[in-house]
Amino acid sequence: MIATAHELPASGYALEVDGRLKAEFATRDGAKTGAEELKKRFPMLQIRIYDAQTKTREEVLFPQA
């Protein structure tokens, strides 16, 4: 994890939790791991990964066992 994010990053990835940017990551794998751990602990949250290069968001769903 790199830093807390308050605006859209110019590069890398960010976690968006319930519509608010919370953390930035250098790699997609790091962002995905962080998002999945958070989703396991708090399944009611809406968590998305923001990709700065493509300017898109990916919804993180509750991991299936």
Protein backbone atom coordinates (compact mmCIF):
# COMPACT_ATOMS: atom_id res chain seq x y z
CA MET A 1 0.00 0.00 0.00
CA ILE A 2 1.35 3.41 -0.91
CA ALA A 3 -0.83 6.13 0.64
CA THR A 4 -4.26 7.35 1.56
CA ALA A 5 -6.04 8.80 -1.47
CA HIS A 6 -8.43 11.73 -1.53
CA GLU A 7 -8.52 12.38 -5.26
CA LEU A 8 -8.12 10.18 -8.31
CA PRO A 9 -4.51 9.07 -8.76
CA ALA A 10 -2.60 9.81 -11.98
CA SER A 11 -1.02 6.35 -11.97
CA GLY A 12 -1.48 3.01 -10.25
CA TYR A 13 -4.64 1.84 -8.54
CA ALA A 14 -6.90 3.07 -5.77
CA LEU A 15 -9.50 1.47 -3.52
CA GLU A 16 -12.88 3.13 -3.52
CA VAL A 17 -14.98 2.21 -0.48
CA ASP A 18 -18.62 3.28 -0.52
CA GLY A 19 -17.80 5.96 -3.10
CA ARG A 20 -14.76 7.41 -1.30
CA LEU A 21 -11.14 6.86 -2.24
CA LYS A 22 -9.29 5.28 0.65
CA ALA A 23 -5.89 3.94 -0.45
CA GLU A 24 -3.52 3.87 -3.41
CA PHE A 25 -1.53 0.88 -4.64
CA ALA A 26 1.30 0.59 -7.15
CA THR A 27 0.06 -2.74 -8.56
CA ARG A 28 -3.28 -4.24 -9.46
CA ASP A 29 -2.44 -7.38 -7.47
CA GLY A 30 -1.81 -5.31 -4.35
CA ALA A 31 -5.09 -3.44 -4.78
CA LYS A 32 -7.02 -6.67 -5.40
CA THR A 33 -5.52 -8.35 -2.33
CA GLY A 34 -6.33 -5.34 -0.16
CA ALA A 35 -9.86 -5.13 -1.53
CA GLU A 36 -10.54 -8.85 -0.99
CA GLU A 37 -9.28 -8.75 2.61
CA LEU A 38 -11.45 -5.72 3.33
CA LYS A 39 -14.48 -7.34 1.68
CA LYS A 40 -14.01 -10.51 3.79
CA ARG A 41 -13.98 -8.44 6.99
CA PHE A 42 -16.80 -6.10 5.95
CA PRO A 43 -18.96 -7.79 3.27
CA MET A 44 -21.58 -5.04 3.39
CA LEU A 45 -19.19 -2.42 1.96
CA GLN A 46 -19.20 -1.53 -1.72
CA ILE A 47 -15.57 -1.79 -2.80
CA ARG A 48 -14.17 -0.94 -6.23
CA ILE A 49 -10.68 -0.81 -7.67
CA TYR A 50 -9.92 2.31 -9.73
CA ASP A 51 -7.36 1.87 -12.53
CA ALA A 52 -5.72 5.23 -13.27
CA GLN A 53 -4.35 4.16 -16.67
CA THR A 54 -7.72 3.16 -18.15
CA LYS A 55 -9.77 5.41 -15.85
CA THR A 56 -12.15 2.53 -15.05
CA ARG A 57 -13.53 0.96 -11.89
CA GLU A 58 -13.92 -2.75 -11.14
CA GLU A 59 -16.43 -3.93 -8.54
CA VAL A 60 -15.02 -6.32 -5.93
CA LEU A 61 -17.51 -9.03 -5.05
CA PHE A 62 -17.47 -11.26 -1.99
CA PRO A 63 -14.96 -14.05 -2.70
CA GLN A 64 -16.53 -17.46 -3.22
CA ALA A 65 -15.20 -20.37 -1.15
